[in-house]
Amino acid sequence: MRGYHDIGGLPLGPIDRTQHDYALWEKRVDAMLVLLSSKKLITTDELRLGIETLGADAYERLSYYERWIASIARALVDRGVITTDELGRRMADVSRRPQESA
């Protein structure tokens, strides 16, 4: 049975291969994954599993890097690196910061 994340071979139209600038937060998510991987706090398999088990609604609604950060957060909570309460407090702190530009 095909999972909601398995779109290989489906007729979804052409692939947009144009280069684009990444938002600052997307660059930070990428850097965070590199750092956490180097510290052995997340594996590629954990990242993929977290993305593949988001659920169909979340998978469709979230962007590429939003899926990454959701998976990273879940892995860190599962490993006990951060609690959901602490994560919520830190997210609230970040949301109160002035917007930054790339």
PDB file of N, CA and C in Angstrom:
ATOM      1  N   MET A   1       0.848  -1.184   0.000  1.00  0.00           N
ATOM      2  CA  MET A   1       0.000   0.000   0.000  1.00  0.00           C
ATOM      3  C   MET A   1       0.892   1.245   0.000  1.00  0.00           C
ATOM      4  N   ARG A   2       0.527   2.211  -0.792  1.00  0.00           N
ATOM      5  CA  ARG A   2       1.279   3.459  -0.931  1.00  0.00           C
ATOM      6  C   ARG A   2       0.922   4.421   0.198  1.00  0.00           C
ATOM      7  N   GLY A   3       1.974   4.987   0.840  1.00  0.00           N
ATOM      8  CA  GLY A   3       1.759   5.986   1.876  1.00  0.00           C
ATOM      9  C   GLY A   3       1.470   7.348   1.255  1.00  0.00           C
ATOM     10  N   TYR A   4       0.867   8.222   2.018  1.00  0.00           N
ATOM     11  CA  TYR A   4       0.540   9.558   1.526  1.00  0.00           C
ATOM     12  C   TYR A   4       1.781  10.331   1.105  1.00  0.00           C
ATOM     13  N   HIS A   5       2.920  10.019   1.674  1.00  0.00           N
ATOM     14  CA  HIS A   5       4.171  10.701   1.354  1.00  0.00           C
ATOM     15  C   HIS A   5       4.852  10.127   0.111  1.00  0.00           C
ATOM     16  N   ASP A   6       4.413   8.964  -0.362  1.00  0.00           N
ATOM     17  CA  ASP A   6       5.043   8.283  -1.494  1.00  0.00           C
ATOM     18  C   ASP A   6       4.379   8.731  -2.794  1.00  0.00           C
ATOM     19  N   ILE A   7       4.956   9.757  -3.422  1.00  0.00           N
ATOM     20  CA  ILE A   7       4.358  10.308  -4.637  1.00  0.00           C
ATOM     21  C   ILE A   7       5.099   9.888  -5.898  1.00  0.00           C
ATOM     22  N   GLY A   8       6.081   9.010  -5.743  1.00  0.00           N
ATOM     23  CA  GLY A   8       6.860   8.543  -6.885  1.00  0.00           C
ATOM     24  C   GLY A   8       5.979   7.930  -7.963  1.00  0.00           C
ATOM     25  N   GLY A   9       6.123   8.433  -9.196  1.00  0.00           N
ATOM     26  CA  GLY A   9       5.377   7.901 -10.323  1.00  0.00           C
ATOM     27  C   GLY A   9       3.988   8.477 -10.516  1.00  0.00           C
ATOM     28  N   LEU A  10       3.526   9.311  -9.598  1.00  0.00           N
ATOM     29  CA  LEU A  10       2.199   9.908  -9.743  1.00  0.00           C
ATOM     30  C   LEU A  10       2.268  11.114 -10.672  1.00  0.00           C
ATOM     31  N   PRO A  11       1.214  11.367 -11.442  1.00  0.00           N
ATOM     32  CA  PRO A  11       1.199  12.517 -12.355  1.00  0.00           C
ATOM     33  C   PRO A  11       0.925  13.823 -11.601  1.00  0.00           C
ATOM     34  N   LEU A  12       1.969  14.498 -11.176  1.00  0.00           N
ATOM     35  CA  LEU A  12       1.819  15.724 -10.402  1.00  0.00           C
ATOM     36  C   LEU A  12       2.243  16.967 -11.174  1.00  0.00           C
ATOM     37  N   GLY A  13       2.566  16.820 -12.440  1.00  0.00           N
ATOM     38  CA  GLY A  13       2.974  17.965 -13.242  1.00  0.00           C
ATOM     39  C   GLY A  13       4.480  18.128 -13.259  1.00  0.00           C
ATOM     40  N   PRO A  14       4.931  19.188 -13.929  1.00  0.00           N
ATOM     41  CA  PRO A  14       6.378  19.397 -14.065  1.00  0.00           C
ATOM     42  C   PRO A  14       7.027  19.815 -12.739  1.00  0.00           C
ATOM     43  N   ILE A  15       8.294  19.515 -12.625  1.00  0.00           N
ATOM     44  CA  ILE A  15       9.078  19.899 -11.449  1.00  0.00           C
ATOM     45  C   ILE A  15       9.666  21.279 -11.682  1.00  0.00           C
ATOM     46  N   ASP A  16       9.497  22.167 -10.728  1.00  0.00           N
ATOM     47  CA  ASP A  16      10.079  23.509 -10.818  1.00  0.00           C
ATOM     48  C   ASP A  16      11.560  23.403 -10.473  1.00  0.00           C
ATOM     49  N   ARG A  17      12.417  23.540 -11.473  1.00  0.00           N
ATOM     50  CA  ARG A  17      13.856  23.383 -11.263  1.00  0.00           C
ATOM     51  C   ARG A  17      14.584  24.729 -11.198  1.00  0.00           C
ATOM     52  N   THR A  18      13.839  25.816 -11.086  1.00  0.00           N
ATOM     53  CA  THR A  18      14.485  27.126 -11.011  1.00  0.00           C
ATOM     54  C   THR A  18      15.122  27.306  -9.639  1.00  0.00           C
ATOM     55  N   GLN A  19      16.215  28.035  -9.616  1.00  0.00           N
ATOM     56  CA  GLN A  19      16.890  28.339  -8.363  1.00  0.00           C
ATOM     57  C   GLN A  19      16.063  29.384  -7.614  1.00  0.00           C
ATOM     58  N   HIS A  20      16.103  29.333  -6.315  1.00  0.00           N
ATOM     59  CA  HIS A  20      15.400  30.320  -5.515  1.00  0.00           C
ATOM     60  C   HIS A  20      16.202  30.583  -4.243  1.00  0.00           C
ATOM     61  N   ASP A  21      15.953  31.721  -3.670  1.00  0.00           N
ATOM     62  CA  ASP A  21      16.607  32.059  -2.408  1.00  0.00           C
ATOM     63  C   ASP A  21      15.854  31.381  -1.271  1.00  0.00           C
ATOM     64  N   TYR A  22      16.602  30.949  -0.290  1.00  0.00           N
ATOM     65  CA  TYR A  22      15.998  30.346   0.887  1.00  0.00           C
ATOM     66  C   TYR A  22      15.766  31.429   1.936  1.00  0.00           C
ATOM     67  N   ALA A  23      14.661  31.299   2.644  1.00  0.00           N
ATOM     68  CA  ALA A  23      14.379  32.209   3.753  1.00  0.00           C
ATOM     69  C   ALA A  23      15.380  31.932   4.876  1.00  0.00           C
ATOM     70  N   LEU A  24      15.629  32.921   5.691  1.00  0.00           N
ATOM     71  CA  LEU A  24      16.580  32.770   6.788  1.00  0.00           C
ATOM     72  C   LEU A  24      16.212  31.587   7.683  1.00  0.00           C
ATOM     73  N   TRP A  25      14.938  31.428   7.998  1.00  0.00           N
ATOM     74  CA  TRP A  25      14.529  30.334   8.873  1.00  0.00           C
ATOM     75  C   TRP A  25      14.789  28.985   8.219  1.00  0.00           C
ATOM     76  N   GLU A  26      14.671  28.881   6.892  1.00  0.00           N
ATOM     77  CA  GLU A  26      14.957  27.629   6.193  1.00  0.00           C
ATOM     78  C   GLU A  26      16.444  27.294   6.274  1.00  0.00           C
ATOM     79  N   LYS A  27      17.290  28.311   6.123  1.00  0.00           N
ATOM     80  CA  LYS A  27      18.735  28.117   6.263  1.00  0.00           C
ATOM     81  C   LYS A  27      19.074  27.646   7.673  1.00  0.00           C
ATOM     82  N   ARG A  28      18.383  28.199   8.644  1.00  0.00           N
ATOM     83  CA  ARG A  28      18.633  27.822  10.040  1.00  0.00           C
ATOM     84  C   ARG A  28      18.198  26.387  10.323  1.00  0.00           C
ATOM     85  N   VAL A  29      17.081  25.975   9.744  1.00  0.00           N
ATOM     86  CA  VAL A  29      16.633  24.592   9.917  1.00  0.00           C
ATOM     87  C   VAL A  29      17.664  23.640   9.323  1.00  0.00           C
ATOM     88  N   ASP A  30      18.154  23.966   8.138  1.00  0.00           N
ATOM     89  CA  ASP A  30      19.172  23.133   7.495  1.00  0.00           C
ATOM     90  C   ASP A  30      20.429  23.062   8.369  1.00  0.00           C
ATOM     91  N   ALA A  31      20.879  24.210   8.865  1.00  0.00           N
ATOM     92  CA  ALA A  31      22.068  24.256   9.724  1.00  0.00           C
ATOM     93  C   ALA A  31      21.831  23.478  11.013  1.00  0.00           C
ATOM     94  N   MET A  32      20.629  23.576  11.564  1.00  0.00           N
ATOM     95  CA  MET A  32      20.306  22.864  12.791  1.00  0.00           C
ATOM     96  C   MET A  32      20.387  21.354  12.570  1.00  0.00           C
ATOM     97  N   LEU A  33      19.896  20.890  11.434  1.00  0.00           N
ATOM     98  CA  LEU A  33      19.955  19.462  11.137  1.00  0.00           C
ATOM     99  C   LEU A  33      21.407  18.998  11.008  1.00  0.00           C
ATOM    100  N   VAL A  34      22.226  19.783  10.335  1.00  0.00           N
ATOM    101  CA  VAL A  34      23.647  19.433  10.198  1.00  0.00           C
ATOM    102  C   VAL A  34      24.298  19.347  11.575  1.00  0.00           C
ATOM    103  N   LEU A  35      24.058  20.324  12.422  1.00  0.00           N
ATOM    104  CA  LEU A  35      24.645  20.347  13.764  1.00  0.00           C
ATOM    105  C   LEU A  35      24.153  19.175  14.607  1.00  0.00           C
ATOM    106  N   LEU A  36      22.845  18.956  14.626  1.00  0.00           N
ATOM    107  CA  LEU A  36      22.292  17.866  15.431  1.00  0.00           C
ATOM    108  C   LEU A  36      22.783  16.507  14.937  1.00  0.00           C
ATOM    109  N   SER A  37      22.921  16.362  13.630  1.00  0.00           N
ATOM    110  CA  SER A  37      23.443  15.113  13.067  1.00  0.00           C
ATOM    111  C   SER A  37      24.887  14.894  13.483  1.00  0.00           C
ATOM    112  N   SER A  38      25.682  15.960  13.437  1.00  0.00           N
ATOM    113  CA  SER A  38      27.095  15.831  13.809  1.00  0.00           C
ATOM    114  C   SER A  38      27.257  15.492  15.291  1.00  0.00           C
ATOM    115  N   LYS A  39      26.290  15.899  16.108  1.00  0.00           N
ATOM    116  CA  LYS A  39      26.316  15.607  17.544  1.00  0.00           C
ATOM    117  C   LYS A  39      25.598  14.296  17.879  1.00  0.00           C
ATOM    118  N   LYS A  40      25.170  13.585  16.827  1.00  0.00           N
ATOM    119  CA  LYS A  40      24.470  12.294  16.991  1.00  0.00           C
ATOM    120  C   LYS A  40      23.164  12.424  17.772  1.00  0.00           C
ATOM    121  N   LEU A  41      22.500  13.579  17.609  1.00  0.00           N
ATOM    122  CA  LEU A  41      21.214  13.801  18.281  1.00  0.00           C
ATOM    123  C   LEU A  41      20.019  13.523  17.378  1.00  0.00           C
ATOM    124  N   ILE A  42      20.283  13.288  16.083  1.00  0.00           N
ATOM    125  CA  ILE A  42      19.241  12.866  15.148  1.00  0.00           C
ATOM    126  C   ILE A  42      19.927  12.150  14.000  1.00  0.00           C
ATOM    127  N   THR A  43      19.237  11.172  13.455  1.00  0.00           N
ATOM    128  CA  THR A  43      19.765  10.454  12.293  1.00  0.00           C
ATOM    129  C   THR A  43      18.881  10.736  11.086  1.00  0.00           C
ATOM    130  N   THR A  44      19.411  10.440   9.924  1.00  0.00           N
ATOM    131  CA  THR A  44      18.628  10.599   8.693  1.00  0.00           C
ATOM    132  C   THR A  44      17.373   9.748   8.755  1.00  0.00           C
ATOM    133  N   ASP A  45      17.502   8.544   9.299  1.00  0.00           N
ATOM    134  CA  ASP A  45      16.333   7.669   9.417  1.00  0.00           C
ATOM    135  C   ASP A  45      15.267   8.254  10.335  1.00  0.00           C
ATOM    136  N   GLU A  46      15.693   8.882  11.440  1.00  0.00           N
ATOM    137  CA  GLU A  46      14.730   9.521  12.348  1.00  0.00           C
ATOM    138  C   GLU A  46      14.033  10.688  11.659  1.00  0.00           C
ATOM    139  N   LEU A  47      14.806  11.482  10.923  1.00  0.00           N
ATOM    140  CA  LEU A  47      14.216  12.607  10.205  1.00  0.00           C
ATOM    141  C   LEU A  47      13.165  12.104   9.223  1.00  0.00           C
ATOM    142  N   ARG A  48      13.544  11.107   8.427  1.00  0.00           N
ATOM    143  CA  ARG A  48      12.613  10.564   7.435  1.00  0.00           C
ATOM    144  C   ARG A  48      11.378   9.965   8.102  1.00  0.00           C
ATOM    145  N   LEU A  49      11.575   9.178   9.156  1.00  0.00           N
ATOM    146  CA  LEU A  49      10.436   8.579   9.843  1.00  0.00           C
ATOM    147  C   LEU A  49       9.499   9.654  10.384  1.00  0.00           C
ATOM    148  N   GLY A  50      10.068  10.700  10.969  1.00  0.00           N
ATOM    149  CA  GLY A  50       9.242  11.788  11.491  1.00  0.00           C
ATOM    150  C   GLY A  50       8.419  12.459  10.414  1.00  0.00           C
ATOM    151  N   ILE A  51       9.001  12.631   9.245  1.00  0.00           N
ATOM    152  CA  ILE A  51       8.284  13.245   8.125  1.00  0.00           C
ATOM    153  C   ILE A  51       7.212  12.298   7.598  1.00  0.00           C
ATOM    154  N   GLU A  52       7.566  11.029   7.473  1.00  0.00           N
ATOM    155  CA  GLU A  52       6.635  10.052   6.903  1.00  0.00           C
ATOM    156  C   GLU A  52       5.483   9.706   7.836  1.00  0.00           C
ATOM    157  N   THR A  53       5.581  10.086   9.092  1.00  0.00           N
ATOM    158  CA  THR A  53       4.503   9.788  10.042  1.00  0.00           C
ATOM    159  C   THR A  53       3.816  11.053  10.555  1.00  0.00           C
ATOM    160  N   LEU A  54       3.940  12.143   9.819  1.00  0.00           N
ATOM    161  CA  LEU A  54       3.263  13.392  10.196  1.00  0.00           C
ATOM    162  C   LEU A  54       1.745  13.259  10.114  1.00  0.00           C
ATOM    163  N   GLY A  55       1.291  12.431   9.234  1.00  0.00           N
ATOM    164  CA  GLY A  55      -0.129  12.343   8.924  1.00  0.00           C
ATOM    165  C   GLY A  55      -0.383  13.069   7.611  1.00  0.00           C
ATOM    166  N   ALA A  56      -1.341  12.595   6.863  1.00  0.00           N
ATOM    167  CA  ALA A  56      -1.598  13.134   5.526  1.00  0.00           C
ATOM    168  C   ALA A  56      -1.916  14.626   5.542  1.00  0.00           C
ATOM    169  N   ASP A  57      -2.749  15.066   6.480  1.00  0.00           N
ATOM    170  CA  ASP A  57      -3.130  16.487   6.524  1.00  0.00           C
ATOM    171  C   ASP A  57      -1.926  17.388   6.771  1.00  0.00           C
ATOM    172  N   ALA A  58      -1.123  17.050   7.766  1.00  0.00           N
ATOM    173  CA  ALA A  58       0.061  17.866   8.070  1.00  0.00           C
ATOM    174  C   ALA A  58       1.058  17.800   6.917  1.00  0.00           C
ATOM    175  N   TYR A  59       1.253  16.626   6.346  1.00  0.00           N
ATOM    176  CA  TYR A  59       2.207  16.472   5.250  1.00  0.00           C
ATOM    177  C   TYR A  59       1.828  17.378   4.076  1.00  0.00           C
ATOM    178  N   GLU A  60       0.570  17.437   3.767  1.00  0.00           N
ATOM    179  CA  GLU A  60       0.102  18.272   2.644  1.00  0.00           C
ATOM    180  C   GLU A  60       0.158  19.757   2.981  1.00  0.00           C
ATOM    181  N   ARG A  61      -0.111  20.120   4.222  1.00  0.00           N
ATOM    182  CA  ARG A  61      -0.184  21.518   4.637  1.00  0.00           C
ATOM    183  C   ARG A  61       1.193  22.144   4.827  1.00  0.00           C
ATOM    184  N   LEU A  62       2.151  21.374   5.316  1.00  0.00           N
ATOM    185  CA  LEU A  62       3.463  21.919   5.653  1.00  0.00           C
ATOM    186  C   LEU A  62       4.383  21.999   4.426  1.00  0.00           C
ATOM    187  N   SER A  63       5.253  22.996   4.450  1.00  0.00           N
ATOM    188  CA  SER A  63       6.265  23.112   3.394  1.00  0.00           C
ATOM    189  C   SER A  63       7.404  22.134   3.693  1.00  0.00           C
ATOM    190  N   TYR A  64       8.342  22.040   2.776  1.00  0.00           N
ATOM    191  CA  TYR A  64       9.484  21.135   2.890  1.00  0.00           C
ATOM    192  C   TYR A  64      10.218  21.315   4.213  1.00  0.00           C
ATOM    193  N   TYR A  65      10.644  22.540   4.510  1.00  0.00           N
ATOM    194  CA  TYR A  65      11.396  22.777   5.743  1.00  0.00           C
ATOM    195  C   TYR A  65      10.510  22.773   6.982  1.00  0.00           C
ATOM    196  N   GLU A  66       9.240  23.052   6.849  1.00  0.00           N
ATOM    197  CA  GLU A  66       8.328  22.913   7.986  1.00  0.00           C
ATOM    198  C   GLU A  66       8.221  21.439   8.386  1.00  0.00           C
ATOM    199  N   ARG A  67       8.229  20.542   7.398  1.00  0.00           N
ATOM    200  CA  ARG A  67       8.232  19.110   7.699  1.00  0.00           C
ATOM    201  C   ARG A  67       9.514  18.732   8.435  1.00  0.00           C
ATOM    202  N   TRP A  68      10.634  19.278   7.983  1.00  0.00           N
ATOM    203  CA  TRP A  68      11.914  18.995   8.635  1.00  0.00           C
ATOM    204  C   TRP A  68      11.884  19.413  10.095  1.00  0.00           C
ATOM    205  N   ILE A  69      11.452  20.656  10.363  1.00  0.00           N
ATOM    206  CA  ILE A  69      11.510  21.152  11.734  1.00  0.00           C
ATOM    207  C   ILE A  69      10.525  20.406  12.633  1.00  0.00           C
ATOM    208  N   ALA A  70       9.386  20.015  12.096  1.00  0.00           N
ATOM    209  CA  ALA A  70       8.436  19.217  12.877  1.00  0.00           C
ATOM    210  C   ALA A  70       9.064  17.872  13.247  1.00  0.00           C
ATOM    211  N   SER A  71       9.748  17.263  12.312  1.00  0.00           N
ATOM    212  CA  SER A  71      10.401  15.991  12.560  1.00  0.00           C
ATOM    213  C   SER A  71      11.565  16.133  13.535  1.00  0.00           C
ATOM    214  N   ILE A  72      12.355  17.179  13.380  1.00  0.00           N
ATOM    215  CA  ILE A  72      13.470  17.437  14.292  1.00  0.00           C
ATOM    216  C   ILE A  72      12.950  17.629  15.718  1.00  0.00           C
ATOM    217  N   ALA A  73      11.920  18.441  15.871  1.00  0.00           N
ATOM    218  CA  ALA A  73      11.364  18.695  17.203  1.00  0.00           C
ATOM    219  C   ALA A  73      10.884  17.398  17.840  1.00  0.00           C
ATOM    220  N   ARG A  74      10.197  16.587  17.070  1.00  0.00           N
ATOM    221  CA  ARG A  74       9.694  15.324  17.605  1.00  0.00           C
ATOM    222  C   ARG A  74      10.840  14.404  18.030  1.00  0.00           C
ATOM    223  N   ALA A  75      11.881  14.332  17.214  1.00  0.00           N
ATOM    224  CA  ALA A  75      13.031  13.479  17.548  1.00  0.00           C
ATOM    225  C   ALA A  75      13.705  13.950  18.829  1.00  0.00           C
ATOM    226  N   LEU A  76      13.850  15.270  18.987  1.00  0.00           N
ATOM    227  CA  LEU A  76      14.505  15.802  20.182  1.00  0.00           C
ATOM    228  C   LEU A  76      13.664  15.560  21.439  1.00  0.00           C
ATOM    229  N   VAL A  77      12.351  15.661  21.306  1.00  0.00           N
ATOM    230  CA  VAL A  77      11.466  15.354  22.435  1.00  0.00           C
ATOM    231  C   VAL A  77      11.544  13.859  22.745  1.00  0.00           C
ATOM    232  N   ASP A  78      11.486  13.018  21.712  1.00  0.00           N
ATOM    233  CA  ASP A  78      11.551  11.566  21.915  1.00  0.00           C
ATOM    234  C   ASP A  78      12.855  11.145  22.591  1.00  0.00           C
ATOM    235  N   ARG A  79      13.948  11.833  22.269  1.00  0.00           N
ATOM    236  CA  ARG A  79      15.256  11.500  22.861  1.00  0.00           C
ATOM    237  C   ARG A  79      15.452  12.149  24.233  1.00  0.00           C
ATOM    238  N   GLY A  80      14.526  13.010  24.655  1.00  0.00           N
ATOM    239  CA  GLY A  80      14.637  13.657  25.953  1.00  0.00           C
ATOM    240  C   GLY A  80      15.588  14.842  25.966  1.00  0.00           C
ATOM    241  N   VAL A  81      15.947  15.340  24.790  1.00  0.00           N
ATOM    242  CA  VAL A  81      16.839  16.496  24.705  1.00  0.00           C
ATOM    243  C   VAL A  81      16.107  17.756  25.141  1.00  0.00           C
ATOM    244  N   ILE A  82      14.821  17.811  24.862  1.00  0.00           N
ATOM    245  CA  ILE A  82      13.985  18.956  25.212  1.00  0.00           C
ATOM    246  C   ILE A  82      12.590  18.426  25.542  1.00  0.00           C
ATOM    247  N   THR A  83      11.899  19.086  26.452  1.00  0.00           N
ATOM    248  CA  THR A  83      10.522  18.687  26.765  1.00  0.00           C
ATOM    249  C   THR A  83       9.558  19.480  25.896  1.00  0.00           C
ATOM    250  N   THR A  84       8.348  19.013  25.797  1.00  0.00           N
ATOM    251  CA  THR A  84       7.349  19.746  25.014  1.00  0.00           C
ATOM    252  C   THR A  84       7.057  21.092  25.655  1.00  0.00           C
ATOM    253  N   ASP A  85       7.092  21.164  26.989  1.00  0.00           N
ATOM    254  CA  ASP A  85       6.876  22.448  27.675  1.00  0.00           C
ATOM    255  C   ASP A  85       7.982  23.444  27.335  1.00  0.00           C
ATOM    256  N   GLU A  86       9.226  22.973  27.411  1.00  0.00           N
ATOM    257  CA  GLU A  86      10.354  23.851  27.094  1.00  0.00           C
ATOM    258  C   GLU A  86      10.302  24.286  25.633  1.00  0.00           C
ATOM    259  N   LEU A  87       9.967  23.365  24.761  1.00  0.00           N
ATOM    260  CA  LEU A  87       9.850  23.696  23.340  1.00  0.00           C
ATOM    261  C   LEU A  87       8.772  24.761  23.133  1.00  0.00           C
ATOM    262  N   GLY A  88       7.636  24.604  23.788  1.00  0.00           N
ATOM    263  CA  GLY A  88       6.563  25.589  23.679  1.00  0.00           C
ATOM    264  C   GLY A  88       6.989  26.966  24.169  1.00  0.00           C
ATOM    265  N   ARG A  89       7.697  27.008  25.304  1.00  0.00           N
ATOM    266  CA  ARG A  89       8.192  28.293  25.825  1.00  0.00           C
ATOM    267  C   ARG A  89       9.170  28.946  24.853  1.00  0.00           C
ATOM    268  N   ARG A  90      10.074  28.163  24.312  1.00  0.00           N
ATOM    269  CA  ARG A  90      11.057  28.725  23.377  1.00  0.00           C
ATOM    270  C   ARG A  90      10.396  29.203  22.090  1.00  0.00           C
ATOM    271  N   MET A  91       9.394  28.479  21.621  1.00  0.00           N
ATOM    272  CA  MET A  91       8.671  28.915  20.422  1.00  0.00           C
ATOM    273  C   MET A  91       7.938  30.227  20.692  1.00  0.00           C
ATOM    274  N   ALA A  92       7.367  30.359  21.873  1.00  0.00           N
ATOM    275  CA  ALA A  92       6.694  31.605  22.245  1.00  0.00           C
ATOM    276  C   ALA A  92       7.694  32.754  22.300  1.00  0.00           C
ATOM    277  N   ASP A  93       8.874  32.496  22.853  1.00  0.00           N
ATOM    278  CA  ASP A  93       9.931  33.531  22.892  1.00  0.00           C
ATOM    279  C   ASP A  93      10.307  33.975  21.484  1.00  0.00           C
ATOM    280  N   VAL A  94      10.496  33.018  20.598  1.00  0.00           N
ATOM    281  CA  VAL A  94      10.881  33.334  19.217  1.00  0.00           C
ATOM    282  C   VAL A  94       9.782  34.123  18.526  1.00  0.00           C
ATOM    283  N   SER A  95       8.534  33.778  18.758  1.00  0.00           N
ATOM    284  CA  SER A  95       7.432  34.480  18.082  1.00  0.00           C
ATOM    285  C   SER A  95       7.324  35.945  18.523  1.00  0.00           C
ATOM    286  N   ARG A  96       7.868  36.273  19.687  1.00  0.00           N
ATOM    287  CA  ARG A  96       7.835  37.661  20.174  1.00  0.00           C
ATOM    288  C   ARG A  96       9.008  38.491  19.645  1.00  0.00           C
ATOM    289  N   ARG A  97       9.984  37.864  19.034  1.00  0.00           N
ATOM    290  CA  ARG A  97      11.144  38.597  18.511  1.00  0.00           C
ATOM    291  C   ARG A  97      10.763  39.386  17.274  1.00  0.00           C
ATOM    292  N   PRO A  98      11.467  40.496  17.027  1.00  0.00           N
ATOM    293  CA  PRO A  98      11.237  41.228  15.771  1.00  0.00           C
ATOM    294  C   PRO A  98      11.632  40.356  14.586  1.00  0.00           C
ATOM    295  N   GLN A  99      10.946  40.554  13.488  1.00  0.00           N
ATOM    296  CA  GLN A  99      11.244  39.787  12.268  1.00  0.00           C
ATOM    297  C   GLN A  99      12.635  40.110  11.766  1.00  0.00           C
ATOM    298  N   GLU A 100      13.370  39.085  11.343  1.00  0.00           N
ATOM    299  CA  GLU A 100      14.700  39.257  10.780  1.00  0.00           C
ATOM    300  C   GLU A 100      14.632  39.046   9.277  1.00  0.00           C
ATOM    301  N   SER A 101      15.562  39.653   8.580  1.00  0.00           N
ATOM    302  CA  SER A 101      15.648  39.428   7.137  1.00  0.00           C
ATOM    303  C   SER A 101      16.906  38.640   6.838  1.00  0.00           C
ATOM    304  N   ALA A 102      16.909  37.999   5.678  1.00  0.00           N
ATOM    305  CA  ALA A 102      18.075  37.187   5.282  1.00  0.00           C
ATOM    306  C   ALA A 102      19.169  38.062   4.884  1.00  0.00           C
TER     307      ALA A 102
END
